Amino acid sequence: MSGRVRAKMVCTNILEKGTAHWKDFNVDFSPVVGDSAENEKYFKATPSGGLSLGGLNSRHGYEVGKEYYVDTSPAPEEVPPTEG
């Protein structure tokens, strides 16, 4: 098994915090529901869950109501530093 998963999610909220000198963004996502043939397939595979990205220094183009693919795969193990 590869450990790879693709979910399809919709941006549900963007919270902007900060002052005139700094900004901080939190972006929330939820799984799509079955309002299209593709979304029905994703909803059957990943019907619940959520993703929250916090402390972002920009919106990174995310828009509330827009759908996004979220891909996960295992990260390689770190190689310990060599001495010397």
Protein backbone atom coordinates (compact mmCIF):
# COMPACT_ATOMS: atom_id res chain seq x y z
CA MET A 1 0.00 0.00 0.00
CA SER A 2 1.40 3.40 -0.99
CA GLY A 3 -0.08 5.53 1.82
CA ARG A 4 -1.24 8.08 -0.75
CA VAL A 5 -4.67 9.63 -0.42
CA ARG A 6 -6.41 12.33 -2.44
CA ALA A 7 -9.37 14.11 -0.89
CA LYS A 8 -11.48 16.81 -2.47
CA MET A 9 -12.34 19.61 -0.09
CA VAL A 10 -14.05 22.96 -0.14
CA CYS A 11 -12.68 26.08 1.56
CA THR A 12 -15.22 26.97 4.24
CA ASN A 13 -13.59 29.86 6.07
CA ILE A 14 -10.67 32.29 5.91
CA LEU A 15 -9.89 34.18 9.09
CA GLU A 16 -7.55 37.16 8.83
CA LYS A 17 -5.90 38.38 12.01
CA GLY A 18 -3.23 40.93 12.70
CA THR A 19 -2.43 44.59 12.73
CA ALA A 20 -1.22 47.15 10.21
CA HIS A 21 2.28 45.68 10.65
CA TRP A 22 1.60 41.94 10.31
CA LYS A 23 -1.13 39.63 9.07
CA ASP A 24 -1.90 36.03 9.87
CA PHE A 25 -4.40 33.82 8.02
CA ASN A 26 -6.21 30.64 9.08
CA VAL A 27 -7.88 28.66 6.27
CA ASP A 28 -10.42 25.88 6.94
CA PHE A 29 -11.57 23.10 4.60
CA SER A 30 -14.30 20.43 4.73
CA PRO A 31 -14.93 17.44 2.45
CA VAL A 32 -17.08 18.11 -0.62
CA VAL A 33 -20.62 16.75 -0.72
CA GLY A 34 -22.27 14.91 -3.61
CA ASP A 35 -23.41 17.85 -5.74
CA SER A 36 -21.65 16.53 -8.88
CA ALA A 37 -20.67 13.08 -10.18
CA GLU A 38 -17.01 13.61 -9.20
CA ASN A 39 -17.90 15.02 -5.78
CA GLU A 40 -20.20 12.05 -5.12
CA LYS A 41 -17.23 9.69 -5.62
CA TYR A 42 -15.03 11.70 -3.25
CA PHE A 43 -17.84 12.00 -0.68
CA LYS A 44 -18.25 8.20 -0.61
CA ALA A 45 -14.51 7.75 0.03
CA THR A 46 -13.97 10.64 2.49
CA PRO A 47 -17.37 11.65 3.91
CA SER A 48 -16.05 13.41 7.01
CA GLY A 49 -13.03 15.22 8.28
CA GLY A 50 -11.49 18.62 8.04
CA LEU A 51 -8.29 20.52 7.47
CA SER A 52 -7.20 23.75 9.09
CA LEU A 53 -4.08 25.62 7.99
CA GLY A 54 -3.02 28.22 10.53
CA GLY A 55 -0.40 30.91 10.76
CA LEU A 56 -0.18 31.46 7.02
CA ASN A 57 1.49 34.71 6.00
CA SER A 58 -0.84 35.10 2.99
CA ARG A 59 -4.12 33.73 1.63
CA HIS A 60 -2.16 31.74 -0.99
CA GLY A 61 -5.04 32.32 -3.40
CA TYR A 62 -7.55 30.31 -1.37
CA GLU A 63 -11.18 31.38 -1.79
CA VAL A 64 -14.18 30.50 0.37
CA GLY A 65 -16.50 28.18 -1.58
CA LYS A 66 -13.82 27.02 -4.02
CA GLU A 67 -12.94 23.32 -4.18
CA TYR A 68 -9.38 21.97 -3.82
CA TYR A 69 -7.67 18.60 -4.02
CA VAL A 70 -5.65 17.67 -0.95
CA ASP A 71 -2.97 15.06 -1.59
CA THR A 72 -1.09 13.22 1.12
CA SER A 73 1.80 10.83 0.80
CA PRO A 74 4.41 9.54 3.24
CA ALA A 75 7.42 11.77 3.77
CA PRO A 76 10.80 10.09 3.48
CA GLU A 77 12.65 9.44 6.69
CA GLU A 78 15.28 12.01 7.47
CA VAL A 79 18.86 10.97 6.97
CA PRO A 80 20.88 11.70 10.12
CA PRO A 81 23.64 14.28 9.64
CA THR A 82 27.12 12.90 9.24
CA GLU A 83 29.78 13.83 11.75
CA GLY A 84 32.93 15.53 10.68
